[in-house]
């Protein structure tokens, strides 16, 4: 078992909240609609902290490692780490099964894989040949996604092990490299 830690949050207006059994190895964090969402790498979950009521709960992920698309706590994640939002959805990357998942912020909190072949990509042969990793969202290969950022219909992806910045066009489902040569 993984020991749980006590977390202290210093939030708006000087309010301090203590949470017993709080977070275990949290990685990404994002704020949307009065809630803070964080990824828990070791427990394969997404946590939700409601600022207004000062409550912490499991939001998505059953706690078992995997990549099952389902609703909320029935879905599985495999080492979720980076997280971003467009205000309507959360977007989460996974390290052990390199994909990007979308979580709807409205019930039933549907989790859907939207990009990634689910296998770690291999380096492209030579430089300036990003096409072996880019293309349709489900064909694209990611190696180690360290960060995500949403802006104007795109998810920007820091693909650490491929030494690239890539982006996913949410309208077309295409992944392309915009910086780095591998």
N, C-alpha and C. Protein backbone atom coordinates (compact mmCIF):
# COMPACT_ATOMS: atom_id res chain seq x y z
N UNK A 1 0.84 -1.19 0.00
CA UNK A 1 0.00 0.00 0.00
C UNK A 1 0.87 1.24 0.00
N UNK A 2 0.36 2.27 -0.60
CA UNK A 2 1.06 3.55 -0.66
C UNK A 2 0.59 4.41 0.50
N UNK A 3 1.50 4.95 1.31
CA UNK A 3 1.06 5.77 2.43
C UNK A 3 0.41 7.06 1.93
N UNK A 4 -0.66 7.47 2.60
CA UNK A 4 -1.31 8.72 2.25
C UNK A 4 -0.68 9.85 3.04
N UNK A 5 -0.73 11.04 2.47
CA UNK A 5 -0.11 12.19 3.10
C UNK A 5 -1.17 13.23 3.45
N UNK A 6 -0.84 14.07 4.40
CA UNK A 6 -1.72 15.18 4.73
C UNK A 6 -1.32 16.36 3.84
N UNK A 7 -2.30 16.95 3.17
CA UNK A 7 -2.05 18.07 2.28
C UNK A 7 -2.62 19.34 2.89
N UNK A 8 -1.90 20.42 2.75
CA UNK A 8 -2.39 21.72 3.19
C UNK A 8 -2.53 22.60 1.96
N UNK A 9 -3.69 23.21 1.79
CA UNK A 9 -3.94 24.11 0.67
C UNK A 9 -4.12 25.52 1.20
N UNK A 10 -3.43 26.46 0.61
CA UNK A 10 -3.62 27.87 0.91
C UNK A 10 -4.35 28.45 -0.29
N UNK A 11 -5.65 28.69 -0.12
CA UNK A 11 -6.50 29.08 -1.23
C UNK A 11 -6.86 30.55 -1.16
N UNK A 12 -7.77 30.94 -2.02
CA UNK A 12 -8.20 32.32 -2.12
C UNK A 12 -8.65 32.89 -0.79
N UNK A 13 -8.49 34.19 -0.64
CA UNK A 13 -8.92 34.94 0.54
C UNK A 13 -8.29 34.42 1.84
N UNK A 14 -7.10 33.87 1.76
CA UNK A 14 -6.39 33.44 2.95
C UNK A 14 -6.93 32.19 3.61
N UNK A 15 -7.90 31.52 3.00
CA UNK A 15 -8.49 30.31 3.58
C UNK A 15 -7.48 29.16 3.49
N UNK A 16 -7.26 28.48 4.60
CA UNK A 16 -6.36 27.33 4.62
C UNK A 16 -7.18 26.09 4.95
N UNK A 17 -6.96 25.03 4.20
CA UNK A 17 -7.71 23.80 4.39
C UNK A 17 -6.74 22.64 4.59
N UNK A 18 -6.98 21.82 5.61
CA UNK A 18 -6.19 20.61 5.85
C UNK A 18 -6.97 19.41 5.33
N UNK A 19 -6.31 18.54 4.62
CA UNK A 19 -6.96 17.33 4.11
C UNK A 19 -6.18 16.11 4.56
N UNK A 20 -6.78 15.28 5.37
CA UNK A 20 -6.14 14.02 5.74
C UNK A 20 -6.37 13.03 4.62
N UNK A 21 -5.37 12.19 4.35
CA UNK A 21 -5.50 11.22 3.28
C UNK A 21 -5.62 11.90 1.94
N UNK A 22 -4.97 13.03 1.76
CA UNK A 22 -5.10 13.87 0.59
C UNK A 22 -4.59 13.27 -0.70
N UNK A 23 -3.46 13.71 -1.15
CA UNK A 23 -2.95 13.34 -2.46
C UNK A 23 -1.78 12.38 -2.33
N UNK A 24 -1.67 11.50 -3.29
CA UNK A 24 -0.55 10.57 -3.36
C UNK A 24 0.14 10.81 -4.69
N UNK A 25 1.32 11.39 -4.65
CA UNK A 25 2.14 11.60 -5.84
C UNK A 25 1.36 12.31 -6.95
N UNK A 26 0.78 13.46 -6.61
CA UNK A 26 0.07 14.25 -7.61
C UNK A 26 1.03 14.84 -8.62
N UNK A 27 0.63 14.91 -9.87
CA UNK A 27 1.49 15.46 -10.92
C UNK A 27 0.90 16.73 -11.49
N UNK A 28 -0.11 16.63 -12.35
CA UNK A 28 -0.67 17.80 -12.99
C UNK A 28 -1.75 18.44 -12.14
N UNK A 29 -1.99 19.74 -12.39
CA UNK A 29 -3.04 20.45 -11.65
C UNK A 29 -3.64 21.51 -12.56
N UNK A 30 -4.97 21.67 -12.47
CA UNK A 30 -5.67 22.67 -13.26
C UNK A 30 -6.89 23.15 -12.47
N UNK A 31 -7.27 24.41 -12.68
CA UNK A 31 -8.43 24.99 -12.01
C UNK A 31 -9.49 25.29 -13.06
N UNK A 32 -10.74 24.89 -12.79
CA UNK A 32 -11.85 25.20 -13.69
C UNK A 32 -13.15 25.17 -12.89
N UNK A 33 -14.00 26.13 -13.13
CA UNK A 33 -15.35 26.19 -12.55
C UNK A 33 -15.38 26.01 -11.04
N UNK A 34 -14.45 26.62 -10.32
CA UNK A 34 -14.45 26.54 -8.86
C UNK A 34 -13.90 25.25 -8.29
N UNK A 35 -13.29 24.44 -9.13
CA UNK A 35 -12.69 23.18 -8.68
C UNK A 35 -11.24 23.11 -9.11
N UNK A 36 -10.45 22.40 -8.32
CA UNK A 36 -9.07 22.09 -8.69
C UNK A 36 -9.03 20.59 -8.98
N UNK A 37 -8.46 20.25 -10.13
CA UNK A 37 -8.32 18.85 -10.52
C UNK A 37 -6.83 18.53 -10.57
N UNK A 38 -6.48 17.37 -10.06
CA UNK A 38 -5.09 16.95 -10.09
C UNK A 38 -5.01 15.48 -10.50
N UNK A 39 -3.90 15.12 -11.12
CA UNK A 39 -3.67 13.73 -11.51
C UNK A 39 -2.87 13.05 -10.41
N UNK A 40 -3.23 11.84 -10.09
CA UNK A 40 -2.47 11.04 -9.14
C UNK A 40 -1.79 9.90 -9.89
N UNK A 41 -0.51 10.06 -10.07
CA UNK A 41 0.31 9.16 -10.86
C UNK A 41 0.27 7.72 -10.33
N UNK A 42 0.45 7.54 -9.04
CA UNK A 42 0.57 6.19 -8.47
C UNK A 42 -0.77 5.50 -8.23
N UNK A 43 -1.85 6.25 -8.07
CA UNK A 43 -3.14 5.62 -7.80
C UNK A 43 -4.03 5.56 -9.04
N UNK A 44 -3.53 6.07 -10.17
CA UNK A 44 -4.25 6.00 -11.44
C UNK A 44 -5.61 6.71 -11.38
N UNK A 45 -5.65 7.87 -10.70
CA UNK A 45 -6.91 8.59 -10.52
C UNK A 45 -6.75 10.07 -10.84
N UNK A 46 -7.91 10.70 -11.05
CA UNK A 46 -8.02 12.14 -11.13
C UNK A 46 -8.83 12.57 -9.90
N UNK A 47 -8.29 13.51 -9.12
CA UNK A 47 -8.95 13.99 -7.90
C UNK A 47 -9.58 15.35 -8.18
N UNK A 48 -10.67 15.64 -7.47
CA UNK A 48 -11.34 16.92 -7.56
C UNK A 48 -11.40 17.54 -6.17
N UNK A 49 -10.93 18.78 -6.08
CA UNK A 49 -11.04 19.53 -4.84
C UNK A 49 -11.99 20.69 -5.10
N UNK A 50 -13.11 20.71 -4.41
CA UNK A 50 -14.08 21.79 -4.53
C UNK A 50 -13.68 22.93 -3.60
N UNK A 51 -13.35 24.07 -4.18
CA UNK A 51 -12.89 25.21 -3.38
C UNK A 51 -14.00 25.70 -2.47
N UNK A 52 -15.23 25.80 -2.98
CA UNK A 52 -16.34 26.33 -2.20
C UNK A 52 -16.68 25.52 -0.97
N UNK A 53 -16.70 24.19 -1.10
CA UNK A 53 -17.07 23.34 0.03
C UNK A 53 -15.88 22.72 0.73
N UNK A 54 -14.67 22.96 0.21
CA UNK A 54 -13.44 22.41 0.80
C UNK A 54 -13.50 20.89 0.91
N UNK A 55 -14.00 20.23 -0.15
CA UNK A 55 -14.06 18.76 -0.14
C UNK A 55 -13.17 18.19 -1.23
N UNK A 56 -12.59 17.07 -0.94
CA UNK A 56 -11.73 16.34 -1.87
C UNK A 56 -12.40 15.02 -2.22
N UNK A 57 -12.45 14.68 -3.51
CA UNK A 57 -13.07 13.41 -3.90
C UNK A 57 -12.36 12.84 -5.12
N UNK A 58 -12.54 11.54 -5.33
CA UNK A 58 -12.08 10.91 -6.56
C UNK A 58 -13.05 11.33 -7.66
N UNK A 59 -12.53 11.80 -8.77
CA UNK A 59 -13.37 12.29 -9.86
C UNK A 59 -13.44 11.28 -11.01
N UNK A 60 -12.31 10.72 -11.37
CA UNK A 60 -12.27 9.74 -12.47
C UNK A 60 -11.16 8.74 -12.19
N UNK A 61 -11.39 7.53 -12.64
CA UNK A 61 -10.42 6.46 -12.46
C UNK A 61 -10.79 5.55 -11.31
N UNK A 62 -10.74 4.25 -11.59
CA UNK A 62 -11.12 3.26 -10.58
C UNK A 62 -10.02 2.98 -9.57
N UNK A 63 -8.80 3.39 -9.90
CA UNK A 63 -7.66 3.08 -9.05
C UNK A 63 -6.83 1.94 -9.61
N UNK A 64 -7.38 1.21 -10.58
CA UNK A 64 -6.65 0.14 -11.25
C UNK A 64 -5.95 0.72 -12.48
N UNK A 65 -4.73 0.26 -12.75
CA UNK A 65 -4.01 0.72 -13.94
C UNK A 65 -4.64 0.14 -15.19
N UNK A 66 -4.76 0.96 -16.22
CA UNK A 66 -5.32 0.51 -17.49
C UNK A 66 -5.71 1.69 -18.35
N UNK A 67 -6.42 1.44 -19.42
CA UNK A 67 -6.85 2.51 -20.32
C UNK A 67 -8.26 2.26 -20.81
N UNK A 68 -9.14 1.90 -19.92
CA UNK A 68 -10.52 1.62 -20.27
C UNK A 68 -11.32 2.92 -20.33
N UNK A 69 -11.95 3.17 -21.47
CA UNK A 69 -12.86 4.30 -21.59
C UNK A 69 -14.18 3.91 -20.94
N UNK A 70 -14.69 4.77 -20.07
CA UNK A 70 -15.94 4.51 -19.35
C UNK A 70 -16.35 5.81 -18.68
N UNK A 71 -17.33 5.75 -17.82
CA UNK A 71 -17.79 6.93 -17.09
C UNK A 71 -17.07 7.05 -15.76
N UNK A 72 -16.57 8.25 -15.46
CA UNK A 72 -16.02 8.60 -14.17
C UNK A 72 -15.16 7.57 -13.49
N UNK A 73 -15.64 7.05 -12.37
CA UNK A 73 -14.87 6.13 -11.55
C UNK A 73 -14.77 4.72 -12.14
N UNK A 74 -15.49 4.44 -13.22
CA UNK A 74 -15.38 3.13 -13.87
C UNK A 74 -14.25 3.10 -14.89
N UNK A 75 -13.78 4.26 -15.33
CA UNK A 75 -12.67 4.32 -16.28
C UNK A 75 -11.37 3.93 -15.59
N UNK A 76 -10.39 3.53 -16.37
CA UNK A 76 -9.07 3.26 -15.80
C UNK A 76 -8.04 4.14 -16.50
N UNK A 77 -7.01 4.52 -15.74
CA UNK A 77 -5.89 5.31 -16.23
C UNK A 77 -4.61 4.57 -15.92
N UNK A 78 -3.56 4.84 -16.68
CA UNK A 78 -2.27 4.21 -16.46
C UNK A 78 -1.22 5.30 -16.28
N UNK A 79 -1.02 5.68 -15.04
CA UNK A 79 -0.08 6.71 -14.64
C UNK A 79 -0.41 8.07 -15.27
N UNK A 80 -1.57 8.64 -14.93
CA UNK A 80 -1.92 9.96 -15.47
C UNK A 80 -0.95 11.01 -14.93
N UNK A 81 -0.56 11.95 -15.79
CA UNK A 81 0.37 12.96 -15.29
C UNK A 81 0.00 14.38 -15.69
N UNK A 82 -0.04 14.74 -16.95
CA UNK A 82 -0.33 16.12 -17.34
C UNK A 82 -1.84 16.30 -17.48
N UNK A 83 -2.32 17.55 -17.25
CA UNK A 83 -3.75 17.83 -17.33
C UNK A 83 -3.95 19.27 -17.79
N UNK A 84 -4.97 19.49 -18.59
CA UNK A 84 -5.36 20.83 -19.03
C UNK A 84 -6.87 20.83 -19.23
N UNK A 85 -7.44 22.00 -19.54
CA UNK A 85 -8.88 22.09 -19.71
C UNK A 85 -9.23 23.13 -20.77
N UNK A 86 -10.38 22.94 -21.40
CA UNK A 86 -10.96 23.94 -22.28
C UNK A 86 -12.18 24.59 -21.63
N UNK A 87 -12.42 24.28 -20.36
CA UNK A 87 -13.55 24.81 -19.62
C UNK A 87 -14.77 23.91 -19.65
N UNK A 88 -14.79 22.96 -20.59
CA UNK A 88 -15.90 22.01 -20.73
C UNK A 88 -15.43 20.58 -20.47
N UNK A 89 -14.16 20.33 -20.77
CA UNK A 89 -13.54 19.01 -20.63
C UNK A 89 -12.20 19.16 -19.93
N UNK A 90 -11.77 18.05 -19.32
CA UNK A 90 -10.38 17.91 -18.89
C UNK A 90 -9.69 17.06 -19.94
N UNK A 91 -8.40 17.32 -20.17
CA UNK A 91 -7.58 16.50 -21.05
C UNK A 91 -6.40 16.02 -20.22
N UNK A 92 -6.19 14.70 -20.20
CA UNK A 92 -5.20 14.08 -19.34
C UNK A 92 -4.30 13.19 -20.18
N UNK A 93 -2.99 13.26 -19.94
CA UNK A 93 -2.07 12.34 -20.60
C UNK A 93 -1.69 11.22 -19.63
N UNK A 94 -1.25 10.13 -20.21
CA UNK A 94 -0.80 8.97 -19.43
C UNK A 94 0.64 8.67 -19.80
N UNK A 95 1.45 8.28 -18.84
CA UNK A 95 2.84 7.94 -19.14
C UNK A 95 3.01 6.48 -19.55
N UNK A 96 2.37 5.57 -18.85
CA UNK A 96 2.61 4.15 -19.10
C UNK A 96 1.86 3.61 -20.30
N UNK A 97 0.92 4.34 -20.81
CA UNK A 97 0.21 3.98 -22.04
C UNK A 97 -0.01 5.32 -22.74
N UNK A 98 1.02 5.81 -23.44
CA UNK A 98 1.03 7.22 -23.86
C UNK A 98 -0.11 7.61 -24.79
N UNK A 99 -1.16 8.11 -24.17
CA UNK A 99 -2.34 8.57 -24.89
C UNK A 99 -2.82 9.87 -24.24
N UNK A 100 -3.77 10.51 -24.89
CA UNK A 100 -4.44 11.67 -24.32
C UNK A 100 -5.91 11.31 -24.18
N UNK A 101 -6.45 11.54 -23.00
CA UNK A 101 -7.84 11.18 -22.68
C UNK A 101 -8.64 12.44 -22.40
N UNK A 102 -9.91 12.44 -22.80
CA UNK A 102 -10.82 13.55 -22.52
C UNK A 102 -11.81 13.10 -21.45
N UNK A 103 -12.03 13.96 -20.47
CA UNK A 103 -13.03 13.70 -19.42
C UNK A 103 -14.05 14.84 -19.49
N UNK A 104 -15.29 14.51 -19.75
CA UNK A 104 -16.35 15.52 -19.76
C UNK A 104 -16.56 16.01 -18.32
N UNK A 105 -16.75 17.31 -18.16
CA UNK A 105 -16.96 17.88 -16.82
C UNK A 105 -18.41 17.83 -16.37
N UNK A 106 -19.30 17.31 -17.21
CA UNK A 106 -20.70 17.14 -16.84
C UNK A 106 -21.01 15.65 -16.71
N UNK A 107 -21.95 15.30 -15.81
CA UNK A 107 -22.31 13.88 -15.63
C UNK A 107 -22.73 13.28 -16.96
N UNK A 108 -22.33 12.04 -17.23
CA UNK A 108 -21.73 11.06 -16.33
C UNK A 108 -20.20 11.06 -16.33
N UNK A 109 -19.55 12.18 -16.68
CA UNK A 109 -18.10 12.32 -16.64
C UNK A 109 -17.42 11.28 -17.54
N UNK A 110 -17.85 11.24 -18.79
CA UNK A 110 -17.37 10.25 -19.75
C UNK A 110 -15.88 10.45 -20.04
N UNK A 111 -15.12 9.37 -19.96
CA UNK A 111 -13.69 9.36 -20.27
C UNK A 111 -13.52 8.68 -21.62
N UNK A 112 -12.85 9.37 -22.56
CA UNK A 112 -12.65 8.86 -23.91
C UNK A 112 -11.21 9.11 -24.35
N UNK A 113 -10.58 8.12 -24.93
CA UNK A 113 -9.26 8.31 -25.51
C UNK A 113 -9.42 9.08 -26.82
N UNK A 114 -8.64 10.17 -26.97
CA UNK A 114 -8.78 10.99 -28.17
C UNK A 114 -7.51 11.05 -29.02
N UNK A 115 -6.38 10.57 -28.51
CA UNK A 115 -5.15 10.59 -29.30
C UNK A 115 -4.14 9.61 -28.72
N UNK A 116 -3.31 9.09 -29.60
CA UNK A 116 -2.23 8.20 -29.20
C UNK A 116 -2.51 6.76 -29.59
N UNK A 117 -1.46 6.12 -30.10
CA UNK A 117 -1.56 4.72 -30.49
C UNK A 117 -1.51 3.79 -29.28
N UNK A 118 -1.12 4.34 -28.12
CA UNK A 118 -1.08 3.53 -26.91
C UNK A 118 0.21 2.78 -26.70
N UNK A 119 1.18 3.01 -27.56
CA UNK A 119 2.51 2.41 -27.41
C UNK A 119 3.52 3.54 -27.48
N UNK A 120 4.62 3.38 -26.76
CA UNK A 120 5.66 4.41 -26.81
C UNK A 120 6.25 4.46 -28.21
N UNK A 121 6.30 5.66 -28.74
CA UNK A 121 6.86 5.83 -30.08
C UNK A 121 8.35 5.64 -30.08
N UNK A 122 8.87 5.27 -31.21
CA UNK A 122 10.31 5.14 -31.37
C UNK A 122 10.82 6.38 -32.10
N UNK A 123 12.07 6.77 -31.86
CA UNK A 123 12.59 7.95 -32.54
C UNK A 123 12.53 7.79 -34.05
N UNK A 124 12.25 8.89 -34.71
CA UNK A 124 12.22 8.88 -36.17
C UNK A 124 13.63 8.71 -36.70
N UNK A 125 13.79 8.05 -37.84
CA UNK A 125 15.14 7.93 -38.40
C UNK A 125 15.59 9.29 -38.94
N UNK A 126 16.74 9.75 -38.48
CA UNK A 126 17.28 11.02 -38.96
C UNK A 126 16.54 12.20 -38.37
N UNK A 127 16.92 13.37 -38.83
CA UNK A 127 16.29 14.58 -38.33
C UNK A 127 15.25 15.08 -39.30
N UNK A 128 14.38 15.94 -38.79
CA UNK A 128 13.35 16.60 -39.60
C UNK A 128 12.42 15.62 -40.31
N UNK A 129 12.10 14.52 -39.66
CA UNK A 129 11.16 13.55 -40.22
C UNK A 129 10.07 13.24 -39.20
N UNK A 130 9.24 14.24 -38.90
CA UNK A 130 8.24 14.03 -37.86
C UNK A 130 7.06 13.17 -38.31
N UNK A 131 6.95 12.85 -39.59
CA UNK A 131 5.76 12.15 -40.05
C UNK A 131 5.63 10.74 -39.49
N UNK A 132 6.70 10.14 -39.02
CA UNK A 132 6.58 8.79 -38.47
C UNK A 132 5.87 8.80 -37.12
N UNK A 133 5.72 9.96 -36.52
CA UNK A 133 5.06 10.07 -35.23
C UNK A 133 3.74 10.84 -35.31
N UNK A 134 3.58 11.66 -36.33
CA UNK A 134 2.42 12.54 -36.46
C UNK A 134 1.36 11.92 -37.36
N UNK A 135 0.25 12.61 -37.50
CA UNK A 135 -0.81 12.15 -38.38
C UNK A 135 -2.13 12.06 -37.65
N UNK A 136 -3.00 11.17 -38.11
CA UNK A 136 -4.29 11.00 -37.44
C UNK A 136 -4.09 10.69 -35.95
N UNK A 137 -4.95 11.24 -35.13
CA UNK A 137 -4.78 11.19 -33.67
C UNK A 137 -4.50 9.78 -33.14
N UNK A 138 -5.19 8.76 -33.65
CA UNK A 138 -5.02 7.41 -33.10
C UNK A 138 -3.81 6.69 -33.66
N UNK A 139 -3.17 7.26 -34.70
CA UNK A 139 -1.93 6.69 -35.23
C UNK A 139 -0.70 7.35 -34.63
N UNK A 140 -0.86 8.55 -34.10
CA UNK A 140 0.27 9.29 -33.55
C UNK A 140 0.87 8.54 -32.36
N UNK A 141 2.19 8.59 -32.28
CA UNK A 141 2.89 7.95 -31.18
C UNK A 141 3.55 9.01 -30.32
N UNK A 142 3.35 8.88 -29.02
CA UNK A 142 3.98 9.75 -28.04
C UNK A 142 4.94 8.90 -27.22
N UNK A 143 6.01 9.51 -26.73
CA UNK A 143 6.95 8.76 -25.91
C UNK A 143 6.74 9.07 -24.44
N UNK A 144 6.85 10.32 -24.05
CA UNK A 144 6.65 10.69 -22.66
C UNK A 144 6.09 12.11 -22.65
N UNK A 145 4.80 12.21 -22.43
CA UNK A 145 4.14 13.52 -22.42
C UNK A 145 4.33 14.13 -21.03
N UNK A 146 5.07 15.23 -20.98
CA UNK A 146 5.33 15.88 -19.70
C UNK A 146 4.37 17.00 -19.38
N UNK A 147 3.75 17.60 -20.41
CA UNK A 147 2.82 18.69 -20.13
C UNK A 147 1.84 18.83 -21.29
N UNK A 148 0.67 19.38 -20.97
CA UNK A 148 -0.37 19.67 -21.94
C UNK A 148 -0.85 21.10 -21.71
N UNK A 149 -1.27 21.76 -22.78
CA UNK A 149 -1.86 23.09 -22.65
C UNK A 149 -2.90 23.26 -23.75
N UNK A 150 -4.10 23.70 -23.37
CA UNK A 150 -5.17 23.95 -24.34
C UNK A 150 -5.16 25.43 -24.75
N UNK A 151 -5.32 25.69 -26.06
CA UNK A 151 -5.47 27.05 -26.55
C UNK A 151 -6.15 27.03 -27.92
N UNK A 152 -7.29 27.70 -28.01
CA UNK A 152 -8.00 27.92 -29.29
C UNK A 152 -8.19 26.66 -30.13
N UNK A 153 -8.71 25.61 -29.53
CA UNK A 153 -9.02 24.40 -30.29
C UNK A 153 -7.87 23.44 -30.48
N UNK A 154 -6.73 23.73 -29.89
CA UNK A 154 -5.55 22.85 -29.97
C UNK A 154 -5.12 22.44 -28.58
N UNK A 155 -4.60 21.23 -28.47
CA UNK A 155 -3.89 20.81 -27.27
C UNK A 155 -2.41 20.76 -27.64
N UNK A 156 -1.61 21.56 -26.96
CA UNK A 156 -0.16 21.58 -27.16
C UNK A 156 0.45 20.55 -26.24
N UNK A 157 1.38 19.78 -26.77
CA UNK A 157 1.91 18.60 -26.10
C UNK A 157 3.42 18.69 -25.99
N UNK A 158 3.96 18.62 -24.78
CA UNK A 158 5.41 18.55 -24.58
C UNK A 158 5.77 17.07 -24.57
N UNK A 159 6.30 16.59 -25.70
CA UNK A 159 6.68 15.18 -25.85
C UNK A 159 8.17 15.08 -25.52
N UNK A 160 8.44 14.91 -24.24
CA UNK A 160 9.78 15.00 -23.67
C UNK A 160 10.79 14.07 -24.35
N UNK A 161 10.50 12.80 -24.42
CA UNK A 161 11.47 11.84 -24.95
C UNK A 161 11.68 11.96 -26.45
N UNK A 162 10.72 12.54 -27.15
CA UNK A 162 10.90 12.79 -28.59
C UNK A 162 11.48 14.17 -28.86
N UNK A 163 11.70 14.94 -27.79
CA UNK A 163 12.29 16.28 -27.91
C UNK A 163 11.50 17.15 -28.88
N UNK A 164 10.18 17.16 -28.70
CA UNK A 164 9.31 17.88 -29.62
C UNK A 164 8.18 18.56 -28.87
N UNK A 165 7.69 19.64 -29.46
CA UNK A 165 6.42 20.21 -29.07
C UNK A 165 5.47 19.88 -30.20
N UNK A 166 4.36 19.30 -29.85
CA UNK A 166 3.40 18.83 -30.84
C UNK A 166 2.04 19.42 -30.50
N UNK A 167 1.13 19.36 -31.43
CA UNK A 167 -0.21 19.84 -31.12
C UNK A 167 -1.24 18.94 -31.77
N UNK A 168 -2.35 18.81 -31.05
CA UNK A 168 -3.50 18.04 -31.51
C UNK A 168 -4.58 19.03 -31.88
N UNK A 169 -5.03 18.99 -33.12
CA UNK A 169 -6.14 19.81 -33.58
C UNK A 169 -7.41 19.08 -33.20
N UNK A 170 -8.17 19.61 -32.27
CA UNK A 170 -9.37 18.92 -31.79
C UNK A 170 -10.47 18.86 -32.85
N UNK A 171 -10.47 19.77 -33.81
CA UNK A 171 -11.50 19.77 -34.85
C UNK A 171 -11.22 18.71 -35.92
N UNK A 172 -9.94 18.53 -36.27
CA UNK A 172 -9.60 17.60 -37.36
C UNK A 172 -9.05 16.27 -36.86
N UNK A 173 -8.61 16.22 -35.60
CA UNK A 173 -8.02 14.99 -35.07
C UNK A 173 -6.62 14.71 -35.60
N UNK A 174 -5.92 15.73 -36.05
CA UNK A 174 -4.56 15.57 -36.56
C UNK A 174 -3.54 16.01 -35.53
N UNK A 175 -2.44 15.24 -35.43
CA UNK A 175 -1.32 15.58 -34.56
C UNK A 175 -0.17 16.00 -35.45
N UNK A 176 0.48 17.12 -35.10
CA UNK A 176 1.62 17.57 -35.88
C UNK A 176 2.70 18.09 -34.94
N UNK A 177 3.95 17.98 -35.40
CA UNK A 177 5.08 18.53 -34.68
C UNK A 177 5.23 19.99 -35.09
N UNK A 178 5.35 20.88 -34.09
CA UNK A 178 5.52 22.30 -34.42
C UNK A 178 6.89 22.83 -34.01
N UNK A 179 7.64 22.08 -33.20
CA UNK A 179 9.00 22.48 -32.83
C UNK A 179 9.78 21.24 -32.42
N UNK A 180 11.06 21.23 -32.76
CA UNK A 180 11.95 20.11 -32.41
C UNK A 180 12.09 19.15 -33.57
N UNK A 181 13.21 18.47 -33.60
CA UNK A 181 13.49 17.53 -34.68
C UNK A 181 13.68 16.11 -34.20
N UNK A 182 13.59 15.90 -32.92
CA UNK A 182 13.78 14.55 -32.40
C UNK A 182 15.16 14.31 -31.94
